[in-house]
């Protein structure tokens, strides 16, 4: 019961991440591309 409660606490983040993904998808394509590039650590073309 205790482990299940802890795992439920960990699982609640999936919903927040899904909501974030929707907001991220709403950004203009060039902004999404730039954001992803930076977090990959790649340098610009």
ModelCIF file with pLDDT and N, C-alpha, C, O atoms, coordinates in Angstrom:
data_MODEL
#
_entry.id   MODEL 
#
_entity.id                         1 
_entity.type                       polymer 
_entity.pdbx_number_of_molecules   1 
#
_entity_poly.entity_id                      1 
_entity_poly.type                           'polypeptide(L)' 
_entity_poly.nstd_linkage                   no 
_entity_poly.nstd_monomer                   no 
_entity_poly.pdbx_seq_one_letter_code       
;(UNK)(UNK)(UNK)(UNK)(UNK)(UNK)(UNK)(UNK)(UNK)(UNK)(UNK)(UNK)(UNK)(UNK)(UNK)(UNK)
(UNK)(UNK)(UNK)(UNK)(UNK)(UNK)(UNK)(UNK)(UNK)(UNK)(UNK)(UNK)(UNK)(UNK)(UNK)(UNK)
(UNK)(UNK)(UNK)(UNK)(UNK)(UNK)(UNK)(UNK)(UNK)(UNK)(UNK)(UNK)(UNK)
;
_entity_poly.pdbx_seq_one_letter_code_can   XXXXXXXXXXXXXXXXXXXXXXXXXXXXXXXXXXXXXXXXXXXXX 
_entity_poly.pdbx_strand_id                 A 
#
loop_
_entity_poly_seq.entity_id 
_entity_poly_seq.num 
_entity_poly_seq.mon_id 
_entity_poly_seq.hetero 
1 1  UNK n 
1 2  UNK n 
1 3  UNK n 
1 4  UNK n 
1 5  UNK n 
1 6  UNK n 
1 7  UNK n 
1 8  UNK n 
1 9  UNK n 
1 10 UNK n 
1 11 UNK n 
1 12 UNK n 
1 13 UNK n 
1 14 UNK n 
1 15 UNK n 
1 16 UNK n 
1 17 UNK n 
1 18 UNK n 
1 19 UNK n 
1 20 UNK n 
1 21 UNK n 
1 22 UNK n 
1 23 UNK n 
1 24 UNK n 
1 25 UNK n 
1 26 UNK n 
1 27 UNK n 
1 28 UNK n 
1 29 UNK n 
1 30 UNK n 
1 31 UNK n 
1 32 UNK n 
1 33 UNK n 
1 34 UNK n 
1 35 UNK n 
1 36 UNK n 
1 37 UNK n 
1 38 UNK n 
1 39 UNK n 
1 40 UNK n 
1 41 UNK n 
1 42 UNK n 
1 43 UNK n 
1 44 UNK n 
1 45 UNK n 
#
_struct_asym.id          A 
_struct_asym.entity_id   1 
#
loop_
_ma_qa_metric.id 
_ma_qa_metric.mode 
_ma_qa_metric.name 
_ma_qa_metric.software_group_id 
_ma_qa_metric.type 
1 global pLDDT . pLDDT 
2 local  pLDDT . pLDDT 
#
_ma_qa_metric_global.metric_id      1 
_ma_qa_metric_global.metric_value   97.58 
_ma_qa_metric_global.model_id       1 
_ma_qa_metric_global.ordinal_id     1 
#
loop_
_ma_qa_metric_local.label_asym_id 
_ma_qa_metric_local.label_comp_id 
_ma_qa_metric_local.label_seq_id 
_ma_qa_metric_local.metric_id 
_ma_qa_metric_local.metric_value 
_ma_qa_metric_local.model_id 
_ma_qa_metric_local.ordinal_id 
A UNK 1  2 98.00 1 1  
A UNK 2  2 98.00 1 2  
A UNK 3  2 98.00 1 3  
A UNK 4  2 98.00 1 4  
A UNK 5  2 98.00 1 5  
A UNK 6  2 98.00 1 6  
A UNK 7  2 98.00 1 7  
A UNK 8  2 98.00 1 8  
A UNK 9  2 98.00 1 9  
A UNK 10 2 98.00 1 10 
A UNK 11 2 97.00 1 11 
A UNK 12 2 96.00 1 12 
A UNK 13 2 96.00 1 13 
A UNK 14 2 97.00 1 14 
A UNK 15 2 96.00 1 15 
A UNK 16 2 97.00 1 16 
A UNK 17 2 98.00 1 17 
A UNK 18 2 97.00 1 18 
A UNK 19 2 97.00 1 19 
A UNK 20 2 98.00 1 20 
A UNK 21 2 98.00 1 21 
A UNK 22 2 98.00 1 22 
A UNK 23 2 98.00 1 23 
A UNK 24 2 98.00 1 24 
A UNK 25 2 98.00 1 25 
A UNK 26 2 97.00 1 26 
A UNK 27 2 97.00 1 27 
A UNK 28 2 97.00 1 28 
A UNK 29 2 98.00 1 29 
A UNK 30 2 97.00 1 30 
A UNK 31 2 98.00 1 31 
A UNK 32 2 98.00 1 32 
A UNK 33 2 98.00 1 33 
A UNK 34 2 98.00 1 34 
A UNK 35 2 98.00 1 35 
A UNK 36 2 98.00 1 36 
A UNK 37 2 98.00 1 37 
A UNK 38 2 98.00 1 38 
A UNK 39 2 98.00 1 39 
A UNK 40 2 98.00 1 40 
A UNK 41 2 98.00 1 41 
A UNK 42 2 98.00 1 42 
A UNK 43 2 98.00 1 43 
A UNK 44 2 98.00 1 44 
A UNK 45 2 94.00 1 45 
#
loop_
_atom_site.group_PDB 
_atom_site.id 
_atom_site.type_symbol 
_atom_site.label_atom_id 
_atom_site.label_alt_id 
_atom_site.label_comp_id 
_atom_site.label_asym_id 
_atom_site.label_entity_id 
_atom_site.label_seq_id 
_atom_site.pdbx_PDB_ins_code 
_atom_site.Cartn_x 
_atom_site.Cartn_y 
_atom_site.Cartn_z 
_atom_site.occupancy 
_atom_site.B_iso_or_equiv 
_atom_site.pdbx_formal_charge 
_atom_site.auth_seq_id 
_atom_site.auth_comp_id 
_atom_site.auth_asym_id 
_atom_site.auth_atom_id 
_atom_site.pdbx_PDB_model_num 
ATOM 1   N N  . UNK A 1 1  ? 0.831  -1.208 0.000   1.00 98.00 ? 1  UNK A N  1 
ATOM 2   C CA . UNK A 1 1  ? 0.000  0.000  0.000   1.00 98.00 ? 1  UNK A CA 1 
ATOM 3   C C  . UNK A 1 1  ? 0.863  1.255  0.000   1.00 98.00 ? 1  UNK A C  1 
ATOM 4   O O  . UNK A 1 1  ? 0.544  2.236  -0.672  1.00 98.00 ? 1  UNK A O  1 
ATOM 5   N N  . UNK A 1 2  ? 1.956  1.220  0.756   1.00 98.00 ? 2  UNK A N  1 
ATOM 6   C CA . UNK A 1 2  ? 2.853  2.380  0.818   1.00 98.00 ? 2  UNK A CA 1 
ATOM 7   C C  . UNK A 1 2  ? 3.599  2.563  -0.496  1.00 98.00 ? 2  UNK A C  1 
ATOM 8   O O  . UNK A 1 2  ? 3.713  3.676  -1.009  1.00 98.00 ? 2  UNK A O  1 
ATOM 9   N N  . UNK A 1 3  ? 4.110  1.448  -1.037  1.00 98.00 ? 3  UNK A N  1 
ATOM 10  C CA . UNK A 1 3  ? 4.817  1.542  -2.313  1.00 98.00 ? 3  UNK A CA 1 
ATOM 11  C C  . UNK A 1 3  ? 3.873  1.995  -3.416  1.00 98.00 ? 3  UNK A C  1 
ATOM 12  O O  . UNK A 1 3  ? 4.267  2.787  -4.272  1.00 98.00 ? 3  UNK A O  1 
ATOM 13  N N  . UNK A 1 4  ? 2.636  1.511  -3.416  1.00 98.00 ? 4  UNK A N  1 
ATOM 14  C CA . UNK A 1 4  ? 1.655  1.938  -4.420  1.00 98.00 ? 4  UNK A CA 1 
ATOM 15  C C  . UNK A 1 4  ? 1.395  3.441  -4.332  1.00 98.00 ? 4  UNK A C  1 
ATOM 16  O O  . UNK A 1 4  ? 1.264  4.112  -5.355  1.00 98.00 ? 4  UNK A O  1 
ATOM 17  N N  . UNK A 1 5  ? 1.320  3.964  -3.116  1.00 98.00 ? 5  UNK A N  1 
ATOM 18  C CA . UNK A 1 5  ? 1.085  5.402  -2.945  1.00 98.00 ? 5  UNK A CA 1 
ATOM 19  C C  . UNK A 1 5  ? 2.261  6.206  -3.481  1.00 98.00 ? 5  UNK A C  1 
ATOM 20  O O  . UNK A 1 5  ? 2.080  7.244  -4.117  1.00 98.00 ? 5  UNK A O  1 
ATOM 21  N N  . UNK A 1 6  ? 3.456  5.720  -3.219  1.00 98.00 ? 6  UNK A N  1 
ATOM 22  C CA . UNK A 1 6  ? 4.641  6.387  -3.763  1.00 98.00 ? 6  UNK A CA 1 
ATOM 23  C C  . UNK A 1 6  ? 4.667  6.314  -5.294  1.00 98.00 ? 6  UNK A C  1 
ATOM 24  O O  . UNK A 1 6  ? 4.943  7.313  -5.958  1.00 98.00 ? 6  UNK A O  1 
ATOM 25  N N  . UNK A 1 7  ? 4.386  5.159  -5.842  1.00 98.00 ? 7  UNK A N  1 
ATOM 26  C CA . UNK A 1 7  ? 4.410  5.011  -7.297  1.00 98.00 ? 7  UNK A CA 1 
ATOM 27  C C  . UNK A 1 7  ? 3.332  5.886  -7.951  1.00 98.00 ? 7  UNK A C  1 
ATOM 28  O O  . UNK A 1 7  ? 3.535  6.413  -9.044  1.00 98.00 ? 7  UNK A O  1 
ATOM 29  N N  . UNK A 1 8  ? 2.191  6.036  -7.278  1.00 98.00 ? 8  UNK A N  1 
ATOM 30  C CA . UNK A 1 8  ? 1.141  6.920  -7.803  1.00 98.00 ? 8  UNK A CA 1 
ATOM 31  C C  . UNK A 1 8  ? 1.621  8.362  -7.831  1.00 98.00 ? 8  UNK A C  1 
ATOM 32  O O  . UNK A 1 8  ? 1.310  9.116  -8.753  1.00 98.00 ? 8  UNK A O  1 
ATOM 33  N N  . UNK A 1 9  ? 2.380  8.733  -6.813  1.00 98.00 ? 9  UNK A N  1 
ATOM 34  C CA . UNK A 1 9  ? 2.941  10.088 -6.786  1.00 98.00 ? 9  UNK A CA 1 
ATOM 35  C C  . UNK A 1 9  ? 3.905  10.292 -7.949  1.00 98.00 ? 9  UNK A C  1 
ATOM 36  O O  . UNK A 1 9  ? 3.920  11.352 -8.573  1.00 98.00 ? 9  UNK A O  1 
ATOM 37  N N  . UNK A 1 10 ? 4.714  9.264  -8.238  1.00 98.00 ? 10 UNK A N  1 
ATOM 38  C CA . UNK A 1 10 ? 5.618  9.365  -9.376  1.00 98.00 ? 10 UNK A CA 1 
ATOM 39  C C  . UNK A 1 10 ? 4.880  9.407  -10.702 1.00 98.00 ? 10 UNK A C  1 
ATOM 40  O O  . UNK A 1 10 ? 5.291  10.104 -11.629 1.00 98.00 ? 10 UNK A O  1 
ATOM 41  N N  . UNK A 1 11 ? 3.784  8.654  -10.789 1.00 97.00 ? 11 UNK A N  1 
ATOM 42  C CA . UNK A 1 11 ? 3.048  8.556  -12.056 1.00 97.00 ? 11 UNK A CA 1 
ATOM 43  C C  . UNK A 1 11 ? 2.280  9.827  -12.395 1.00 97.00 ? 11 UNK A C  1 
ATOM 44  O O  . UNK A 1 11 ? 1.956  10.058 -13.560 1.00 97.00 ? 11 UNK A O  1 
ATOM 45  N N  . UNK A 1 12 ? 1.984  10.658 -11.390 1.00 96.00 ? 12 UNK A N  1 
ATOM 46  C CA . UNK A 1 12 ? 1.173  11.847 -11.681 1.00 96.00 ? 12 UNK A CA 1 
ATOM 47  C C  . UNK A 1 12 ? 1.887  12.816 -12.617 1.00 96.00 ? 12 UNK A C  1 
ATOM 48  O O  . UNK A 1 12 ? 1.246  13.652 -13.252 1.00 96.00 ? 12 UNK A O  1 
ATOM 49  N N  . UNK A 1 13 ? 3.223  12.706 -12.706 1.00 96.00 ? 13 UNK A N  1 
ATOM 50  C CA . UNK A 1 13 ? 3.965  13.604 -13.582 1.00 96.00 ? 13 UNK A CA 1 
ATOM 51  C C  . UNK A 1 13 ? 3.713  13.370 -15.050 1.00 96.00 ? 13 UNK A C  1 
ATOM 52  O O  . UNK A 1 13 ? 3.930  14.267 -15.866 1.00 96.00 ? 13 UNK A O  1 
ATOM 53  N N  . UNK A 1 14 ? 3.256  12.174 -15.407 1.00 97.00 ? 14 UNK A N  1 
ATOM 54  C CA . UNK A 1 14 ? 3.013  11.880 -16.822 1.00 97.00 ? 14 UNK A CA 1 
ATOM 55  C C  . UNK A 1 14 ? 1.953  12.803 -17.397 1.00 97.00 ? 14 UNK A C  1 
ATOM 56  O O  . UNK A 1 14 ? 2.051  13.226 -18.549 1.00 97.00 ? 14 UNK A O  1 
ATOM 57  N N  . UNK A 1 15 ? 0.951  13.114 -16.606 1.00 96.00 ? 15 UNK A N  1 
ATOM 58  C CA . UNK A 1 15 ? -0.114 14.003 -17.070 1.00 96.00 ? 15 UNK A CA 1 
ATOM 59  C C  . UNK A 1 15 ? 0.419  15.417 -17.283 1.00 96.00 ? 15 UNK A C  1 
ATOM 60  O O  . UNK A 1 15 ? 0.082  16.073 -18.269 1.00 96.00 ? 15 UNK A O  1 
ATOM 61  N N  . UNK A 1 16 ? 1.251  15.880 -16.356 1.00 97.00 ? 16 UNK A N  1 
ATOM 62  C CA . UNK A 1 16 ? 1.832  17.215 -16.502 1.00 97.00 ? 16 UNK A CA 1 
ATOM 63  C C  . UNK A 1 16 ? 2.743  17.276 -17.717 1.00 97.00 ? 16 UNK A C  1 
ATOM 64  O O  . UNK A 1 16 ? 2.762  18.272 -18.441 1.00 97.00 ? 16 UNK A O  1 
ATOM 65  N N  . UNK A 1 17 ? 3.501  16.204 -17.936 1.00 98.00 ? 17 UNK A N  1 
ATOM 66  C CA . UNK A 1 17 ? 4.388  16.201 -19.109 1.00 98.00 ? 17 UNK A CA 1 
ATOM 67  C C  . UNK A 1 17 ? 3.574  16.176 -20.395 1.00 98.00 ? 17 UNK A C  1 
ATOM 68  O O  . UNK A 1 17 ? 3.953  16.830 -21.366 1.00 98.00 ? 17 UNK A O  1 
ATOM 69  N N  . UNK A 1 18 ? 2.459  15.436 -20.428 1.00 97.00 ? 18 UNK A N  1 
ATOM 70  C CA . UNK A 1 18 ? 1.612  15.394 -21.620 1.00 97.00 ? 18 UNK A CA 1 
ATOM 71  C C  . UNK A 1 18 ? 1.017  16.774 -21.909 1.00 97.00 ? 18 UNK A C  1 
ATOM 72  O O  . UNK A 1 18 ? 0.924  17.194 -23.062 1.00 97.00 ? 18 UNK A O  1 
ATOM 73  N N  . UNK A 1 19 ? 0.615  17.471 -20.840 1.00 97.00 ? 19 UNK A N  1 
ATOM 74  C CA . UNK A 1 19 ? 0.079  18.823 -21.027 1.00 97.00 ? 19 UNK A CA 1 
ATOM 75  C C  . UNK A 1 19 ? 1.159  19.746 -21.565 1.00 97.00 ? 19 UNK A C  1 
ATOM 76  O O  . UNK A 1 19 ? 0.905  20.587 -22.428 1.00 97.00 ? 19 UNK A O  1 
ATOM 77  N N  . UNK A 1 20 ? 2.369  19.579 -21.043 1.00 98.00 ? 20 UNK A N  1 
ATOM 78  C CA . UNK A 1 20 ? 3.490  20.385 -21.542 1.00 98.00 ? 20 UNK A CA 1 
ATOM 79  C C  . UNK A 1 20 ? 3.747  20.090 -23.019 1.00 98.00 ? 20 UNK A C  1 
ATOM 80  O O  . UNK A 1 20 ? 4.004  21.004 -23.802 1.00 98.00 ? 20 UNK A O  1 
ATOM 81  N N  . UNK A 1 21 ? 3.677  18.825 -23.394 1.00 98.00 ? 21 UNK A N  1 
ATOM 82  C CA . UNK A 1 21 ? 3.928  18.444 -24.790 1.00 98.00 ? 21 UNK A CA 1 
ATOM 83  C C  . UNK A 1 21 ? 2.928  19.117 -25.726 1.00 98.00 ? 21 UNK A C  1 
ATOM 84  O O  . UNK A 1 21 ? 3.281  19.502 -26.841 1.00 98.00 ? 21 UNK A O  1 
ATOM 85  N N  . UNK A 1 22 ? 1.701  19.255 -25.284 1.00 98.00 ? 22 UNK A N  1 
ATOM 86  C CA . UNK A 1 22 ? 0.696  19.946 -26.101 1.00 98.00 ? 22 UNK A CA 1 
ATOM 87  C C  . UNK A 1 22 ? 1.052  21.423 -26.261 1.00 98.00 ? 22 UNK A C  1 
ATOM 88  O O  . UNK A 1 22 ? 0.926  21.987 -27.348 1.00 98.00 ? 22 UNK A O  1 
ATOM 89  N N  . UNK A 1 23 ? 1.493  22.035 -25.180 1.00 98.00 ? 23 UNK A N  1 
ATOM 90  C CA . UNK A 1 23 ? 1.891  23.447 -25.252 1.00 98.00 ? 23 UNK A CA 1 
ATOM 91  C C  . UNK A 1 23 ? 3.123  23.621 -26.127 1.00 98.00 ? 23 UNK A C  1 
ATOM 92  O O  . UNK A 1 23 ? 3.236  24.587 -26.882 1.00 98.00 ? 23 UNK A O  1 
ATOM 93  N N  . UNK A 1 24 ? 4.034  22.678 -26.015 1.00 98.00 ? 24 UNK A N  1 
ATOM 94  C CA . UNK A 1 24 ? 5.238  22.749 -26.846 1.00 98.00 ? 24 UNK A CA 1 
ATOM 95  C C  . UNK A 1 24 ? 4.872  22.605 -28.321 1.00 98.00 ? 24 UNK A C  1 
ATOM 96  O O  . UNK A 1 24 ? 5.425  23.301 -29.172 1.00 98.00 ? 24 UNK A O  1 
ATOM 97  N N  . UNK A 1 25 ? 3.948  21.710 -28.619 1.00 98.00 ? 25 UNK A N  1 
ATOM 98  C CA . UNK A 1 25 ? 3.528  21.500 -30.009 1.00 98.00 ? 25 UNK A CA 1 
ATOM 99  C C  . UNK A 1 25 ? 2.871  22.741 -30.601 1.00 98.00 ? 25 UNK A C  1 
ATOM 100 O O  . UNK A 1 25 ? 2.844  22.913 -31.819 1.00 98.00 ? 25 UNK A O  1 
ATOM 101 N N  . UNK A 1 26 ? 2.340  23.608 -29.735 1.00 97.00 ? 26 UNK A N  1 
ATOM 102 C CA . UNK A 1 26 ? 1.666  24.820 -30.212 1.00 97.00 ? 26 UNK A CA 1 
ATOM 103 C C  . UNK A 1 26 ? 2.654  25.923 -30.588 1.00 97.00 ? 26 UNK A C  1 
ATOM 104 O O  . UNK A 1 26 ? 2.264  26.916 -31.201 1.00 97.00 ? 26 UNK A O  1 
ATOM 105 N N  . UNK A 1 27 ? 3.927  25.758 -30.229 1.00 97.00 ? 27 UNK A N  1 
ATOM 106 C CA . UNK A 1 27 ? 4.927  26.757 -30.614 1.00 97.00 ? 27 UNK A CA 1 
ATOM 107 C C  . UNK A 1 27 ? 5.147  26.730 -32.122 1.00 97.00 ? 27 UNK A C  1 
ATOM 108 O O  . UNK A 1 27 ? 4.927  25.697 -32.753 1.00 97.00 ? 27 UNK A O  1 
ATOM 109 N N  . UNK A 1 28 ? 5.573  27.833 -32.706 1.00 97.00 ? 28 UNK A N  1 
ATOM 110 C CA . UNK A 1 28 ? 5.948  27.815 -34.127 1.00 97.00 ? 28 UNK A CA 1 
ATOM 111 C C  . UNK A 1 28 ? 7.036  26.781 -34.378 1.00 97.00 ? 28 UNK A C  1 
ATOM 112 O O  . UNK A 1 28 ? 7.844  26.498 -33.493 1.00 97.00 ? 28 UNK A O  1 
ATOM 113 N N  . UNK A 1 29 ? 7.057  26.226 -35.564 1.00 98.00 ? 29 UNK A N  1 
ATOM 114 C CA . UNK A 1 29 ? 7.985  25.137 -35.889 1.00 98.00 ? 29 UNK A CA 1 
ATOM 115 C C  . UNK A 1 29 ? 9.439  25.541 -35.689 1.00 98.00 ? 29 UNK A C  1 
ATOM 116 O O  . UNK A 1 29 ? 10.249 24.738 -35.226 1.00 98.00 ? 29 UNK A O  1 
ATOM 117 N N  . UNK A 1 30 ? 9.774  26.784 -36.036 1.00 97.00 ? 30 UNK A N  1 
ATOM 118 C CA . UNK A 1 30 ? 11.165 27.198 -35.902 1.00 97.00 ? 30 UNK A CA 1 
ATOM 119 C C  . UNK A 1 30 ? 11.583 27.289 -34.437 1.00 97.00 ? 30 UNK A C  1 
ATOM 120 O O  . UNK A 1 30 ? 12.731 27.003 -34.097 1.00 97.00 ? 30 UNK A O  1 
ATOM 121 N N  . UNK A 1 31 ? 10.648 27.688 -33.567 1.00 98.00 ? 31 UNK A N  1 
ATOM 122 C CA . UNK A 1 31 ? 10.951 27.732 -32.134 1.00 98.00 ? 31 UNK A CA 1 
ATOM 123 C C  . UNK A 1 31 ? 11.120 26.328 -31.563 1.00 98.00 ? 31 UNK A C  1 
ATOM 124 O O  . UNK A 1 31 ? 12.021 26.082 -30.761 1.00 98.00 ? 31 UNK A O  1 
ATOM 125 N N  . UNK A 1 32 ? 10.260 25.418 -31.976 1.00 98.00 ? 32 UNK A N  1 
ATOM 126 C CA . UNK A 1 32 ? 10.392 24.031 -31.510 1.00 98.00 ? 32 UNK A CA 1 
ATOM 127 C C  . UNK A 1 32 ? 11.733 23.447 -31.933 1.00 98.00 ? 32 UNK A C  1 
ATOM 128 O O  . UNK A 1 32 ? 12.410 22.779 -31.151 1.00 98.00 ? 32 UNK A O  1 
ATOM 129 N N  . UNK A 1 33 ? 12.100 23.705 -33.167 1.00 98.00 ? 33 UNK A N  1 
ATOM 130 C CA . UNK A 1 33 ? 13.360 23.183 -33.684 1.00 98.00 ? 33 UNK A CA 1 
ATOM 131 C C  . UNK A 1 33 ? 14.556 23.754 -32.918 1.00 98.00 ? 33 UNK A C  1 
ATOM 132 O O  . UNK A 1 33 ? 15.497 23.035 -32.581 1.00 98.00 ? 33 UNK A O  1 
ATOM 133 N N  . UNK A 1 34 ? 14.498 25.056 -32.653 1.00 98.00 ? 34 UNK A N  1 
ATOM 134 C CA . UNK A 1 34 ? 15.592 25.696 -31.924 1.00 98.00 ? 34 UNK A CA 1 
ATOM 135 C C  . UNK A 1 34 ? 15.673 25.178 -30.492 1.00 98.00 ? 34 UNK A C  1 
ATOM 136 O O  . UNK A 1 34 ? 16.767 24.926 -29.987 1.00 98.00 ? 34 UNK A O  1 
ATOM 137 N N  . UNK A 1 35 ? 14.540 25.019 -29.841 1.00 98.00 ? 35 UNK A N  1 
ATOM 138 C CA . UNK A 1 35 ? 14.486 24.505 -28.478 1.00 98.00 ? 35 UNK A CA 1 
ATOM 139 C C  . UNK A 1 35 ? 15.079 23.093 -28.416 1.00 98.00 ? 35 UNK A C  1 
ATOM 140 O O  . UNK A 1 35 ? 15.907 22.799 -27.554 1.00 98.00 ? 35 UNK A O  1 
ATOM 141 N N  . UNK A 1 36 ? 14.657 22.242 -29.319 1.00 98.00 ? 36 UNK A N  1 
ATOM 142 C CA . UNK A 1 36 ? 15.161 20.860 -29.347 1.00 98.00 ? 36 UNK A CA 1 
ATOM 143 C C  . UNK A 1 36 ? 16.657 20.827 -29.621 1.00 98.00 ? 36 UNK A C  1 
ATOM 144 O O  . UNK A 1 36 ? 17.387 20.055 -28.999 1.00 98.00 ? 36 UNK A O  1 
ATOM 145 N N  . UNK A 1 37 ? 17.114 21.657 -30.546 1.00 98.00 ? 37 UNK A N  1 
ATOM 146 C CA . UNK A 1 37 ? 18.538 21.686 -30.880 1.00 98.00 ? 37 UNK A CA 1 
ATOM 147 C C  . UNK A 1 37 ? 19.362 22.042 -29.652 1.00 98.00 ? 37 UNK A C  1 
ATOM 148 O O  . UNK A 1 37 ? 20.379 21.411 -29.363 1.00 98.00 ? 37 UNK A O  1 
ATOM 149 N N  . UNK A 1 38 ? 18.915 23.045 -28.946 1.00 98.00 ? 38 UNK A N  1 
ATOM 150 C CA . UNK A 1 38 ? 19.678 23.495 -27.783 1.00 98.00 ? 38 UNK A CA 1 
ATOM 151 C C  . UNK A 1 38 ? 19.744 22.423 -26.700 1.00 98.00 ? 38 UNK A C  1 
ATOM 152 O O  . UNK A 1 38 ? 20.796 22.211 -26.096 1.00 98.00 ? 38 UNK A O  1 
ATOM 153 N N  . UNK A 1 39 ? 18.628 21.750 -26.455 1.00 98.00 ? 39 UNK A N  1 
ATOM 154 C CA . UNK A 1 39 ? 18.648 20.734 -25.401 1.00 98.00 ? 39 UNK A CA 1 
ATOM 155 C C  . UNK A 1 39 ? 19.357 19.453 -25.848 1.00 98.00 ? 39 UNK A C  1 
ATOM 156 O O  . UNK A 1 39 ? 19.755 18.650 -25.004 1.00 98.00 ? 39 UNK A O  1 
ATOM 157 N N  . UNK A 1 40 ? 19.520 19.249 -27.151 1.00 98.00 ? 40 UNK A N  1 
ATOM 158 C CA . UNK A 1 40 ? 20.385 18.155 -27.623 1.00 98.00 ? 40 UNK A CA 1 
ATOM 159 C C  . UNK A 1 40 ? 21.850 18.519 -27.458 1.00 98.00 ? 40 UNK A C  1 
ATOM 160 O O  . UNK A 1 40 ? 22.709 17.640 -27.384 1.00 98.00 ? 40 UNK A O  1 
ATOM 161 N N  . UNK A 1 41 ? 22.138 19.818 -27.400 1.00 98.00 ? 41 UNK A N  1 
ATOM 162 C CA . UNK A 1 41 ? 23.519 20.271 -27.304 1.00 98.00 ? 41 UNK A CA 1 
ATOM 163 C C  . UNK A 1 41 ? 24.197 20.424 -28.641 1.00 98.00 ? 41 UNK A C  1 
ATOM 164 O O  . UNK A 1 41 ? 25.414 20.593 -28.700 1.00 98.00 ? 41 UNK A O  1 
ATOM 165 N N  . UNK A 1 42 ? 23.425 20.366 -29.729 1.00 98.00 ? 42 UNK A N  1 
ATOM 166 C CA . UNK A 1 42 ? 23.999 20.536 -31.061 1.00 98.00 ? 42 UNK A CA 1 
ATOM 167 C C  . UNK A 1 42 ? 24.206 22.019 -31.358 1.00 98.00 ? 42 UNK A C  1 
ATOM 168 O O  . UNK A 1 42 ? 23.545 22.879 -30.776 1.00 98.00 ? 42 UNK A O  1 
ATOM 169 N N  . UNK A 1 43 ? 25.123 22.302 -32.262 1.00 98.00 ? 43 UNK A N  1 
ATOM 170 C CA . UNK A 1 43 ? 25.385 23.681 -32.657 1.00 98.00 ? 43 UNK A CA 1 
ATOM 171 C C  . UNK A 1 43 ? 24.582 24.033 -33.910 1.00 98.00 ? 43 UNK A C  1 
ATOM 172 O O  . UNK A 1 43 ? 24.186 23.138 -34.657 1.00 98.00 ? 43 UNK A O  1 
ATOM 173 N N  . UNK A 1 44 ? 24.336 25.329 -34.150 1.00 98.00 ? 44 UNK A N  1 
ATOM 174 C CA . UNK A 1 44 ? 23.480 25.728 -35.269 1.00 98.00 ? 44 UNK A CA 1 
ATOM 175 C C  . UNK A 1 44 ? 24.105 25.420 -36.629 1.00 98.00 ? 44 UNK A C  1 
ATOM 176 O O  . UNK A 1 44 ? 25.324 25.328 -36.769 1.00 98.00 ? 44 UNK A O  1 
ATOM 177 N N  . UNK A 1 45 ? 23.245 25.265 -37.608 1.00 94.00 ? 45 UNK A N  1 
ATOM 178 C CA . UNK A 1 45 ? 23.723 25.161 -38.987 1.00 94.00 ? 45 UNK A CA 1 
ATOM 179 C C  . UNK A 1 45 ? 24.437 26.456 -39.351 1.00 94.00 ? 45 UNK A C  1 
ATOM 180 O O  . UNK A 1 45 ? 24.926 26.597 -40.471 1.00 94.00 ? 45 UNK A O  1 
#
